[in-house]
Structures are given as C-alpha cells and as structure tokens.
Amino acid sequence: VQLVESGGGLVQPGGSLRLSCAASRLTFSNYVMGWFRQAPGKEREFVTTISTSGGNTAYANSVKGRFSISRDNAKNTVYLQMNSLTPEDTAVYYCAKGAQRGQGTQVTVSS
C-alpha cells in the first residue's frame, strides 16, 4: 500500500486548504480511509474518517463544521477540505488506511 499526501502549506488564520491523498497498490474502494494529524510535542490526533462509498463520515469535535472529507474511488484519492483554519490546526496531516499511513503533509496556520 502506498499513500501519498499533498496540498499542505502555509496559510493565514481563517484561510482554507485542500489536502489530497493518492492511494495505490490496493483496491481503494474496499477500504475506509481517514486523516490524522500530529502537532509538535503532541499525541497523534484523529481528524476524520470516511466509509468505503463516501456515504458516512465522522469528525473530531475540534474540526467538525470546518473540515470536510470526501473521496473519489475512480481516482483512488481521498480529500480533506479545511476551512476556517486556526493556528491550533498546525500539524503534519497523515492519510491513513487502518494502521498504514502516508509520509504526511505539513499544514502551518500563521499570520
């Protein structure tokens, strides 16, 4: 399994970013996918997950109403739309399939 995240960067508070995770070497549509994040000096934190069809999602309370997960099974890709970003969202964001994850993409929210 290979998971490759992209789309991170530096954004001002209140801004938006869209992360992508391209998956390969698996039957993507068979798997629940998710996003986690880890800020410096903090534990890894669950962010969101999406069912195989995309019909069911779950979010951490800290991002509910601001972040949105989606997937395109034809493109083997899962997305994370992040709006109304705050400095507390600064972290490395990881795409995950079960215990497997990608290399992460850095998101920094700062003015």
C-alpha atoms as a PDB file:
ATOM      1  CA  VAL A   1       0.000   0.000   0.000  1.00  0.00           C
ATOM      2  CA  GLN A   2       1.231   3.458  -0.888  1.00  0.00           C
ATOM      3  CA  LEU A   3      -0.409   6.632   0.373  1.00  0.00           C
ATOM      4  CA  VAL A   4       0.904   9.978  -0.838  1.00  0.00           C
ATOM      5  CA  GLU A   5      -0.425  13.194   0.664  1.00  0.00           C
ATOM      6  CA  SER A   6      -0.195  16.616  -0.938  1.00  0.00           C
ATOM      7  CA  GLY A   7      -1.668  20.075  -0.615  1.00  0.00           C
ATOM      8  CA  GLY A   8      -0.181  21.254   2.635  1.00  0.00           C
ATOM      9  CA  GLY A   9       1.422  24.622   3.115  1.00  0.00           C
ATOM     10  CA  LEU A  10       1.344  27.905   4.956  1.00  0.00           C
ATOM     11  CA  VAL A  11      -1.996  29.647   5.307  1.00  0.00           C
ATOM     12  CA  GLN A  12      -3.248  32.586   7.306  1.00  0.00           C
ATOM     13  CA  PRO A  13      -5.794  32.137  10.094  1.00  0.00           C
ATOM     14  CA  GLY A  14      -9.260  31.921   8.606  1.00  0.00           C
ATOM     15  CA  GLY A  15      -7.927  30.534   5.378  1.00  0.00           C
ATOM     16  CA  SER A  16      -8.531  27.238   3.618  1.00  0.00           C
ATOM     17  CA  LEU A  17      -6.527  24.347   2.263  1.00  0.00           C
ATOM     18  CA  ARG A  18      -7.441  21.179   0.438  1.00  0.00           C
ATOM     19  CA  LEU A  19      -5.341  18.113   1.091  1.00  0.00           C
ATOM     20  CA  SER A  20      -5.248  15.135  -1.234  1.00  0.00           C
ATOM     21  CA  CYS A  21      -4.120  11.581  -0.663  1.00  0.00           C
ATOM     22  CA  ALA A  22      -3.449   9.357  -3.636  1.00  0.00           C
ATOM     23  CA  ALA A  23      -3.557   5.667  -2.850  1.00  0.00           C
ATOM     24  CA  SER A  24      -2.041   2.855  -4.841  1.00  0.00           C
ATOM     25  CA  ARG A  25      -1.374  -0.866  -4.581  1.00  0.00           C
ATOM     26  CA  LEU A  26      -4.755  -1.563  -3.049  1.00  0.00           C
ATOM     27  CA  THR A  27      -8.390  -1.896  -4.033  1.00  0.00           C
ATOM     28  CA  PHE A  28      -9.135   1.574  -2.776  1.00  0.00           C
ATOM     29  CA  SER A  29     -12.910   1.342  -2.815  1.00  0.00           C
ATOM     30  CA  ASN A  30     -12.812  -1.558  -0.350  1.00  0.00           C
ATOM     31  CA  TYR A  31     -11.323   0.465   2.483  1.00  0.00           C
ATOM     32  CA  VAL A  32     -12.401   3.036   4.995  1.00  0.00           C
ATOM     33  CA  MET A  33      -9.983   5.951   4.809  1.00  0.00           C
ATOM     34  CA  GLY A  34      -9.118   8.639   7.279  1.00  0.00           C
ATOM     35  CA  TRP A  35      -6.951  11.560   8.227  1.00  0.00           C
ATOM     36  CA  PHE A  36      -4.911  12.031  11.382  1.00  0.00           C
ATOM     37  CA  ARG A  37      -2.678  14.860  12.450  1.00  0.00           C
ATOM     38  CA  GLN A  38       0.211  15.369  14.802  1.00  0.00           C
ATOM     39  CA  ALA A  39       1.381  18.687  16.112  1.00  0.00           C
ATOM     40  CA  PRO A  40       4.872  19.197  17.550  1.00  0.00           C
ATOM     41  CA  GLY A  41       5.097  17.793  21.052  1.00  0.00           C
ATOM     42  CA  LYS A  42       1.577  16.392  20.940  1.00  0.00           C
ATOM     43  CA  GLU A  43      -0.029  12.997  20.521  1.00  0.00           C
ATOM     44  CA  ARG A  44      -1.363  11.924  17.166  1.00  0.00           C
ATOM     45  CA  GLU A  45      -4.969  13.070  16.846  1.00  0.00           C
ATOM     46  CA  PHE A  46      -7.841  11.578  14.885  1.00  0.00           C
ATOM     47  CA  VAL A  47      -9.336  14.082  12.445  1.00  0.00           C
ATOM     48  CA  THR A  48     -11.865  12.346  10.254  1.00  0.00           C
ATOM     49  CA  THR A  49     -12.831   9.135   8.537  1.00  0.00           C
ATOM     50  CA  ILE A  50     -14.959   8.187   5.539  1.00  0.00           C
ATOM     51  CA  SER A  51     -16.730   4.968   4.618  1.00  0.00           C
ATOM     52  CA  THR A  52     -15.984   2.970   1.502  1.00  0.00           C
ATOM     53  CA  SER A  53     -18.791   4.562  -0.504  1.00  0.00           C
ATOM     54  CA  GLY A  54     -18.304   8.001   0.998  1.00  0.00           C
ATOM     55  CA  GLY A  55     -21.790   7.978   2.430  1.00  0.00           C
ATOM     56  CA  ASN A  56     -20.726   8.029   6.050  1.00  0.00           C
ATOM     57  CA  THR A  57     -18.215  10.324   7.696  1.00  0.00           C
ATOM     58  CA  ALA A  58     -17.062  11.092  11.207  1.00  0.00           C
ATOM     59  CA  TYR A  59     -15.130  14.054  12.568  1.00  0.00           C
ATOM     60  CA  ALA A  60     -13.262  15.045  15.668  1.00  0.00           C
ATOM     61  CA  ASN A  61     -15.118  17.694  17.618  1.00  0.00           C
ATOM     62  CA  SER A  62     -12.216  20.065  17.085  1.00  0.00           C
ATOM     63  CA  VAL A  63     -12.767  20.147  13.314  1.00  0.00           C
ATOM     64  CA  LYS A  64     -16.482  19.467  12.994  1.00  0.00           C
ATOM     65  CA  GLY A  65     -18.183  22.077  10.838  1.00  0.00           C
ATOM     66  CA  ARG A  66     -14.874  23.331   9.421  1.00  0.00           C
ATOM     67  CA  PHE A  67     -13.334  20.277   7.751  1.00  0.00           C
ATOM     68  CA  SER A  68     -14.881  18.003   5.155  1.00  0.00           C
ATOM     69  CA  ILE A  69     -13.632  14.638   3.959  1.00  0.00           C
ATOM     70  CA  SER A  70     -14.525  13.179   0.582  1.00  0.00           C
ATOM     71  CA  ARG A  71     -13.256  10.507  -1.753  1.00  0.00           C
ATOM     72  CA  ASP A  72     -13.172   9.687  -5.421  1.00  0.00           C
ATOM     73  CA  ASN A  73     -12.948   5.925  -5.793  1.00  0.00           C
ATOM     74  CA  ALA A  74     -12.366   6.223  -9.542  1.00  0.00           C
ATOM     75  CA  LYS A  75      -9.217   8.233  -8.829  1.00  0.00           C
ATOM     76  CA  ASN A  76      -8.134   6.294  -5.721  1.00  0.00           C
ATOM     77  CA  THR A  77      -7.990   9.581  -3.878  1.00  0.00           C
ATOM     78  CA  VAL A  78      -9.293  10.918  -0.591  1.00  0.00           C
ATOM     79  CA  TYR A  79      -9.538  14.633   0.110  1.00  0.00           C
ATOM     80  CA  LEU A  80      -9.648  16.840   3.169  1.00  0.00           C
ATOM     81  CA  GLN A  81     -11.136  20.290   2.707  1.00  0.00           C
ATOM     82  CA  MET A  82     -10.115  22.503   5.606  1.00  0.00           C
ATOM     83  CA  ASN A  83     -11.823  25.841   6.159  1.00  0.00           C
ATOM     84  CA  SER A  84     -11.645  28.490   8.864  1.00  0.00           C
ATOM     85  CA  LEU A  85      -8.198  27.319   9.829  1.00  0.00           C
ATOM     86  CA  THR A  86      -6.696  28.381  13.144  1.00  0.00           C
ATOM     87  CA  PRO A  87      -3.144  28.148  14.497  1.00  0.00           C
ATOM     88  CA  GLU A  88      -4.310  25.132  16.531  1.00  0.00           C
ATOM     89  CA  ASP A  89      -4.726  23.259  13.254  1.00  0.00           C
ATOM     90  CA  THR A  90      -0.998  23.456  12.604  1.00  0.00           C
ATOM     91  CA  ALA A  91       0.296  19.891  12.321  1.00  0.00           C
ATOM     92  CA  VAL A  92       1.531  17.233   9.988  1.00  0.00           C
ATOM     93  CA  TYR A  93      -1.522  15.651   8.392  1.00  0.00           C
ATOM     94  CA  TYR A  94      -1.477  11.985   7.551  1.00  0.00           C
ATOM     95  CA  CYS A  95      -3.744   9.989   5.316  1.00  0.00           C
ATOM     96  CA  ALA A  96      -4.480   6.554   6.763  1.00  0.00           C
ATOM     97  CA  LYS A  97      -5.862   3.179   5.880  1.00  0.00           C
ATOM     98  CA  GLY A  98      -6.126   1.314   9.115  1.00  0.00           C
ATOM     99  CA  ALA A  99      -2.703   1.372  10.729  1.00  0.00           C
ATOM    100  CA  GLN A 100      -0.987   2.312   7.476  1.00  0.00           C
ATOM    101  CA  ARG A 101      -0.310   5.939   6.722  1.00  0.00           C
ATOM    102  CA  GLY A 102       1.489   8.143   4.279  1.00  0.00           C
ATOM    103  CA  GLN A 103       4.508  10.347   4.830  1.00  0.00           C
ATOM    104  CA  GLY A 104       2.360  13.304   5.817  1.00  0.00           C
ATOM    105  CA  THR A 105       1.998  16.867   4.625  1.00  0.00           C
ATOM    106  CA  GLN A 106       2.740  19.900   6.764  1.00  0.00           C
ATOM    107  CA  VAL A 107      -0.010  22.418   7.419  1.00  0.00           C
ATOM    108  CA  THR A 108       1.013  25.638   9.102  1.00  0.00           C
ATOM    109  CA  VAL A 109      -1.540  28.252  10.059  1.00  0.00           C
ATOM    110  CA  SER A 110       0.101  31.537  10.910  1.00  0.00           C
ATOM    111  CA  SER A 111      -0.118  35.212  10.187  1.00  0.00           C
END
